Structures are given as C-alpha cells and as structure tokens.
N, C-alpha and C. Protein backbone atom coordinates (compact mmCIF):
# COMPACT_ATOMS: atom_id res chain seq x y z
N TYR A 1 0.82 -1.20 0.00
CA TYR A 1 0.00 0.00 0.00
C TYR A 1 0.86 1.26 0.00
N ALA A 2 1.97 1.24 0.71
CA ALA A 2 2.83 2.43 0.80
C ALA A 2 3.40 2.80 -0.57
N LEU A 3 3.82 1.81 -1.35
CA LEU A 3 4.36 2.08 -2.68
C LEU A 3 3.30 2.70 -3.59
N ALA A 4 2.11 2.12 -3.59
CA ALA A 4 1.02 2.64 -4.43
C ALA A 4 0.64 4.06 -4.00
N ARG A 5 0.62 4.30 -2.72
CA ARG A 5 0.30 5.64 -2.22
C ARG A 5 1.40 6.63 -2.62
N GLY A 6 2.65 6.20 -2.56
CA GLY A 6 3.77 7.05 -2.98
C GLY A 6 3.68 7.40 -4.46
N VAL A 7 3.30 6.41 -5.28
CA VAL A 7 3.13 6.67 -6.72
C VAL A 7 2.02 7.69 -6.92
N SER A 8 0.94 7.58 -6.18
CA SER A 8 -0.17 8.53 -6.31
C SER A 8 0.26 9.94 -5.94
N ILE A 9 0.98 10.07 -4.85
CA ILE A 9 1.41 11.40 -4.41
C ILE A 9 2.42 11.99 -5.40
N ALA A 10 3.40 11.19 -5.82
CA ALA A 10 4.39 11.67 -6.79
C ALA A 10 3.72 12.05 -8.10
N SER A 11 2.75 11.26 -8.54
CA SER A 11 2.04 11.56 -9.78
C SER A 11 1.29 12.87 -9.70
N PHE A 12 0.70 13.15 -8.56
CA PHE A 12 -0.02 14.41 -8.39
C PHE A 12 0.95 15.59 -8.51
N PHE A 13 2.11 15.47 -7.90
CA PHE A 13 3.09 16.55 -7.99
C PHE A 13 3.64 16.70 -9.41
N VAL A 14 3.78 15.60 -10.14
CA VAL A 14 4.19 15.66 -11.55
C VAL A 14 3.12 16.42 -12.35
N ALA A 15 1.86 16.14 -12.09
CA ALA A 15 0.78 16.84 -12.79
C ALA A 15 0.79 18.34 -12.46
N LEU A 16 1.03 18.68 -11.21
CA LEU A 16 1.11 20.10 -10.85
C LEU A 16 2.28 20.78 -11.55
N ALA A 17 3.43 20.13 -11.56
CA ALA A 17 4.60 20.70 -12.24
C ALA A 17 4.34 20.86 -13.74
N GLY A 18 3.70 19.86 -14.34
CA GLY A 18 3.36 19.94 -15.76
C GLY A 18 2.39 21.08 -16.05
N GLY A 19 1.41 21.25 -15.19
CA GLY A 19 0.47 22.35 -15.36
C GLY A 19 1.16 23.70 -15.25
N PHE A 20 2.07 23.82 -14.30
CA PHE A 20 2.84 25.05 -14.15
C PHE A 20 3.65 25.34 -15.41
N LEU A 21 4.36 24.33 -15.90
CA LEU A 21 5.17 24.50 -17.12
C LEU A 21 4.32 24.85 -18.32
N PHE A 22 3.15 24.23 -18.43
CA PHE A 22 2.26 24.49 -19.56
C PHE A 22 1.83 25.96 -19.57
N VAL A 23 1.40 26.46 -18.43
CA VAL A 23 0.95 27.86 -18.35
C VAL A 23 2.10 28.81 -18.66
N ARG A 24 3.27 28.56 -18.12
CA ARG A 24 4.43 29.42 -18.37
C ARG A 24 4.82 29.39 -19.85
N ARG A 25 4.83 28.21 -20.45
CA ARG A 25 5.23 28.09 -21.84
C ARG A 25 4.24 28.77 -22.78
N GLU A 26 2.99 28.82 -22.38
CA GLU A 26 1.98 29.48 -23.20
C GLU A 26 1.90 30.98 -22.95
N GLY A 27 2.85 31.52 -22.18
CA GLY A 27 2.93 32.96 -22.00
C GLY A 27 2.36 33.48 -20.71
N GLY A 28 1.89 32.63 -19.85
CA GLY A 28 1.36 33.08 -18.57
C GLY A 28 2.48 33.44 -17.60
N SER A 29 2.17 34.32 -16.68
CA SER A 29 3.16 34.71 -15.68
C SER A 29 3.32 33.59 -14.65
N SER A 30 4.35 33.71 -13.84
CA SER A 30 4.54 32.74 -12.76
C SER A 30 3.36 32.77 -11.80
N THR A 31 2.82 33.96 -11.58
CA THR A 31 1.66 34.09 -10.69
C THR A 31 0.46 33.35 -11.27
N ALA A 32 0.24 33.50 -12.55
CA ALA A 32 -0.87 32.80 -13.20
C ALA A 32 -0.66 31.29 -13.15
N ALA A 33 0.58 30.86 -13.37
CA ALA A 33 0.87 29.42 -13.33
C ALA A 33 0.66 28.87 -11.93
N LEU A 34 1.10 29.61 -10.92
CA LEU A 34 0.87 29.17 -9.53
C LEU A 34 -0.62 29.13 -9.20
N ALA A 35 -1.36 30.11 -9.69
CA ALA A 35 -2.80 30.13 -9.45
C ALA A 35 -3.47 28.92 -10.12
N ALA A 36 -3.01 28.59 -11.32
CA ALA A 36 -3.59 27.45 -12.03
C ALA A 36 -3.38 26.14 -11.28
N VAL A 37 -2.19 25.95 -10.74
CA VAL A 37 -1.94 24.69 -10.03
C VAL A 37 -2.43 24.74 -8.60
N ALA A 38 -2.71 25.94 -8.09
CA ALA A 38 -3.25 26.05 -6.73
C ALA A 38 -4.67 25.53 -6.66
N ILE A 39 -5.39 25.59 -7.76
CA ILE A 39 -6.79 25.15 -7.76
C ILE A 39 -6.90 23.66 -7.44
N PRO A 40 -6.22 22.77 -8.17
CA PRO A 40 -6.32 21.36 -7.78
C PRO A 40 -5.68 21.06 -6.43
N ALA A 41 -4.63 21.81 -6.08
CA ALA A 41 -4.01 21.60 -4.77
C ALA A 41 -4.98 21.99 -3.65
N ALA A 42 -5.70 23.08 -3.85
CA ALA A 42 -6.66 23.52 -2.83
C ALA A 42 -7.87 22.59 -2.75
N ALA A 43 -8.11 21.84 -3.80
CA ALA A 43 -9.26 20.93 -3.82
C ALA A 43 -8.96 19.62 -3.09
N PHE A 44 -7.77 19.46 -2.57
CA PHE A 44 -7.37 18.21 -1.93
C PHE A 44 -8.35 17.79 -0.84
N VAL A 45 -8.60 18.65 0.11
CA VAL A 45 -9.47 18.30 1.23
C VAL A 45 -10.94 18.23 0.82
N PRO A 46 -11.49 19.24 0.10
CA PRO A 46 -12.91 19.18 -0.26
C PRO A 46 -13.30 17.97 -1.12
N THR A 47 -12.36 17.44 -1.89
CA THR A 47 -12.69 16.30 -2.74
C THR A 47 -12.50 14.96 -2.04
N GLY A 48 -12.17 14.99 -0.79
CA GLY A 48 -12.01 13.75 -0.04
C GLY A 48 -10.59 13.22 -0.04
N ALA A 49 -9.62 14.08 -0.34
CA ALA A 49 -8.20 13.73 -0.29
C ALA A 49 -7.89 12.51 -1.15
N TRP A 50 -8.46 12.46 -2.34
CA TRP A 50 -8.27 11.28 -3.20
C TRP A 50 -6.93 11.24 -3.88
N TYR A 51 -6.18 12.34 -3.89
CA TYR A 51 -4.91 12.37 -4.61
C TYR A 51 -3.89 11.38 -4.07
N ASP A 52 -3.96 11.11 -2.78
CA ASP A 52 -2.94 10.25 -2.19
C ASP A 52 -3.42 8.82 -1.96
N LEU A 53 -4.56 8.47 -2.51
CA LEU A 53 -5.03 7.10 -2.38
C LEU A 53 -4.29 6.19 -3.34
N ALA A 54 -4.24 4.95 -3.01
CA ALA A 54 -3.57 3.97 -3.88
C ALA A 54 -4.52 3.59 -5.01
N ARG A 55 -4.81 4.58 -5.85
CA ARG A 55 -5.70 4.41 -7.00
C ARG A 55 -5.03 5.01 -8.23
N PRO A 56 -5.55 4.74 -9.40
CA PRO A 56 -4.89 5.25 -10.62
C PRO A 56 -5.23 6.70 -10.95
N ASP A 57 -6.04 7.38 -10.15
CA ASP A 57 -6.48 8.72 -10.51
C ASP A 57 -5.34 9.72 -10.69
N SER A 58 -4.44 9.79 -9.74
CA SER A 58 -3.33 10.74 -9.85
C SER A 58 -2.37 10.36 -10.97
N LEU A 59 -2.15 9.08 -11.15
CA LEU A 59 -1.30 8.64 -12.25
C LEU A 59 -1.93 9.02 -13.59
N SER A 60 -3.24 8.87 -13.69
CA SER A 60 -3.95 9.28 -14.91
C SER A 60 -3.78 10.77 -15.16
N LEU A 61 -3.93 11.55 -14.12
CA LEU A 61 -3.77 13.00 -14.22
C LEU A 61 -2.36 13.35 -14.69
N ALA A 62 -1.36 12.68 -14.14
CA ALA A 62 0.03 12.95 -14.53
C ALA A 62 0.27 12.56 -15.99
N LEU A 63 -0.24 11.43 -16.41
CA LEU A 63 -0.02 10.98 -17.79
C LEU A 63 -0.68 11.92 -18.79
N VAL A 64 -1.87 12.38 -18.49
CA VAL A 64 -2.55 13.33 -19.38
C VAL A 64 -1.77 14.64 -19.44
N THR A 65 -1.33 15.11 -18.29
CA THR A 65 -0.61 16.38 -18.24
C THR A 65 0.70 16.29 -19.01
N ILE A 66 1.44 15.21 -18.84
CA ILE A 66 2.70 15.03 -19.56
C ILE A 66 2.44 14.99 -21.06
N ALA A 67 1.43 14.24 -21.48
CA ALA A 67 1.12 14.15 -22.91
C ALA A 67 0.76 15.51 -23.48
N LEU A 68 -0.01 16.30 -22.76
CA LEU A 68 -0.39 17.62 -23.25
C LEU A 68 0.79 18.58 -23.28
N VAL A 69 1.60 18.57 -22.24
CA VAL A 69 2.75 19.48 -22.20
C VAL A 69 3.72 19.17 -23.33
N VAL A 70 3.98 17.90 -23.56
CA VAL A 70 4.94 17.51 -24.59
C VAL A 70 4.35 17.69 -25.99
N GLY A 71 3.11 17.33 -26.17
CA GLY A 71 2.54 17.31 -27.50
C GLY A 71 1.84 18.56 -27.97
N TRP A 72 1.58 19.51 -27.09
CA TRP A 72 0.75 20.67 -27.45
C TRP A 72 1.33 21.48 -28.60
N ARG A 73 2.62 21.75 -28.58
CA ARG A 73 3.23 22.56 -29.64
C ARG A 73 4.07 21.73 -30.59
N ALA A 74 3.99 20.45 -30.47
CA ALA A 74 4.78 19.58 -31.35
C ALA A 74 4.21 19.59 -32.76
N PRO A 75 5.05 19.34 -33.75
CA PRO A 75 4.53 19.20 -35.11
C PRO A 75 3.49 18.07 -35.15
N ALA A 76 2.64 18.08 -36.15
CA ALA A 76 1.53 17.13 -36.21
C ALA A 76 1.97 15.68 -36.02
N GLY A 77 3.02 15.24 -36.68
CA GLY A 77 3.46 13.85 -36.54
C GLY A 77 3.92 13.53 -35.13
N ALA A 78 4.67 14.45 -34.53
CA ALA A 78 5.13 14.24 -33.16
C ALA A 78 3.97 14.28 -32.18
N ALA A 79 3.01 15.18 -32.41
CA ALA A 79 1.83 15.25 -31.53
C ALA A 79 1.05 13.95 -31.60
N ASP A 80 0.95 13.37 -32.80
CA ASP A 80 0.27 12.09 -32.94
C ASP A 80 1.00 11.01 -32.14
N CYS A 81 2.33 11.02 -32.23
CA CYS A 81 3.13 10.03 -31.51
C CYS A 81 2.96 10.19 -30.01
N VAL A 82 3.03 11.44 -29.52
CA VAL A 82 2.89 11.67 -28.09
C VAL A 82 1.49 11.32 -27.62
N SER A 83 0.48 11.75 -28.37
CA SER A 83 -0.88 11.46 -27.94
C SER A 83 -1.16 9.96 -28.00
N GLY A 84 -0.61 9.29 -29.00
CA GLY A 84 -0.79 7.83 -29.08
C GLY A 84 -0.12 7.11 -27.93
N THR A 85 1.11 7.52 -27.62
CA THR A 85 1.82 6.90 -26.51
C THR A 85 1.14 7.22 -25.19
N GLY A 86 0.81 8.51 -25.00
CA GLY A 86 0.12 8.90 -23.77
C GLY A 86 -1.24 8.25 -23.66
N GLY A 87 -1.95 8.20 -24.78
CA GLY A 87 -3.26 7.55 -24.77
C GLY A 87 -3.15 6.06 -24.50
N GLY A 88 -2.12 5.43 -25.05
CA GLY A 88 -1.92 4.00 -24.78
C GLY A 88 -1.60 3.74 -23.33
N ALA A 89 -0.74 4.58 -22.76
CA ALA A 89 -0.42 4.43 -21.34
C ALA A 89 -1.66 4.66 -20.48
N ARG A 90 -2.45 5.64 -20.88
CA ARG A 90 -3.66 5.95 -20.12
C ARG A 90 -4.71 4.86 -20.27
N LEU A 91 -4.69 4.17 -21.40
CA LEU A 91 -5.65 3.09 -21.60
C LEU A 91 -5.52 2.04 -20.51
N PHE A 92 -4.29 1.80 -20.10
CA PHE A 92 -4.07 0.83 -19.04
C PHE A 92 -4.41 1.39 -17.68
N ASP A 93 -4.54 2.70 -17.60
CA ASP A 93 -4.81 3.35 -16.32
C ASP A 93 -6.26 3.80 -16.20
N ASN A 94 -6.78 4.42 -17.24
CA ASN A 94 -8.15 4.92 -17.20
C ASN A 94 -8.58 5.18 -18.64
N HIS A 95 -9.58 4.50 -19.10
CA HIS A 95 -9.94 4.51 -20.51
C HIS A 95 -10.37 5.87 -21.05
N ILE A 96 -11.22 6.58 -20.37
CA ILE A 96 -11.80 7.81 -20.92
C ILE A 96 -10.78 8.91 -21.07
N ALA A 97 -9.92 9.11 -20.09
CA ALA A 97 -8.95 10.20 -20.17
C ALA A 97 -7.95 9.97 -21.30
N GLY A 98 -7.66 8.74 -21.62
CA GLY A 98 -6.77 8.46 -22.74
C GLY A 98 -7.37 8.97 -24.04
N ALA A 99 -8.64 8.73 -24.22
CA ALA A 99 -9.31 9.23 -25.43
C ALA A 99 -9.35 10.75 -25.44
N LEU A 100 -9.57 11.37 -24.29
CA LEU A 100 -9.60 12.83 -24.22
C LEU A 100 -8.23 13.43 -24.53
N THR A 101 -7.17 12.77 -24.07
CA THR A 101 -5.81 13.23 -24.37
C THR A 101 -5.59 13.21 -25.87
N TYR A 102 -5.94 12.12 -26.49
CA TYR A 102 -5.77 11.98 -27.94
C TYR A 102 -6.55 13.07 -28.68
N LEU A 103 -7.80 13.27 -28.30
CA LEU A 103 -8.63 14.27 -28.97
C LEU A 103 -8.09 15.68 -28.77
N ALA A 104 -7.63 15.99 -27.56
CA ALA A 104 -7.10 17.33 -27.29
C ALA A 104 -5.87 17.61 -28.14
N LEU A 105 -5.01 16.63 -28.28
CA LEU A 105 -3.82 16.84 -29.08
C LEU A 105 -4.13 16.89 -30.57
N GLN A 106 -5.14 16.17 -31.01
CA GLN A 106 -5.53 16.25 -32.41
C GLN A 106 -6.08 17.64 -32.72
N VAL A 107 -6.87 18.17 -31.84
CA VAL A 107 -7.40 19.53 -32.03
C VAL A 107 -6.26 20.53 -32.03
N ALA A 108 -5.29 20.36 -31.12
CA ALA A 108 -4.14 21.26 -31.08
C ALA A 108 -3.33 21.20 -32.36
N SER A 109 -3.19 20.01 -32.92
CA SER A 109 -2.39 19.89 -34.15
C SER A 109 -3.10 20.51 -35.35
N LEU A 110 -4.42 20.60 -35.31
CA LEU A 110 -5.16 21.25 -36.39
C LEU A 110 -4.91 22.75 -36.40
N GLY A 111 -4.76 23.33 -35.20
CA GLY A 111 -4.55 24.77 -35.10
C GLY A 111 -3.15 25.20 -35.50
N GLY A 112 -2.18 24.30 -35.44
CA GLY A 112 -0.80 24.70 -35.71
C GLY A 112 -0.38 24.29 -37.01
C-alpha cells in the first residue's frame, strides 16, 4: 500500500509541475501558473483527499498532463506520436482520459 500511495502522491506533484510548465510556456506569468496549479491543490481536502489514495487517478492525471505538455506545440506527426503513446499508457490506467488526451492533441495539431 505504501508504494502505491507514494506513486499517487508523486504523480499528483508531476501533474502540478506539468500544469505550471504548460501555463508558463503558453505565455502566462509565474503568478498565473501558480494560481492554475493552486486550484487542484486547494481541492485536496474538499474532494475527499483522493490524490494520495492507492488508486490510478493521480497517475492518470500525470499521464494526461505530460502528454499535453509535450505534444501541445509539437509538429503534427510528433503530436500524434505523443498522444498515441500517452493515450496508450492511459488506456491501461483509465480509458476515458486516454481518449480525451488523444482528442485534445488532435485539435491542437489542427490549429498549428
């Protein structure tokens, strides 16, 4: 249980770091990036402290965030590769978010 809980906690912090990097890379200030990641951090207690449970939720959040951060500005072929890899990893973790990751990156690649 301790290992699974550690993975959940580490995954949540990876997702927060990815969110911070995403906002900064898209031109947001450090204050805006901190505000963006403060929202899920502040939701820890009201949501029942699920981030640190030995469940795949935080890992799913981290995988989606990594896929979006890496693939958002990538050329279309690379975005497909990242979304496919991220979506495949997410398939083993949580089916719906994997599909959403793929769709988000496909929409992003259409705009660029």
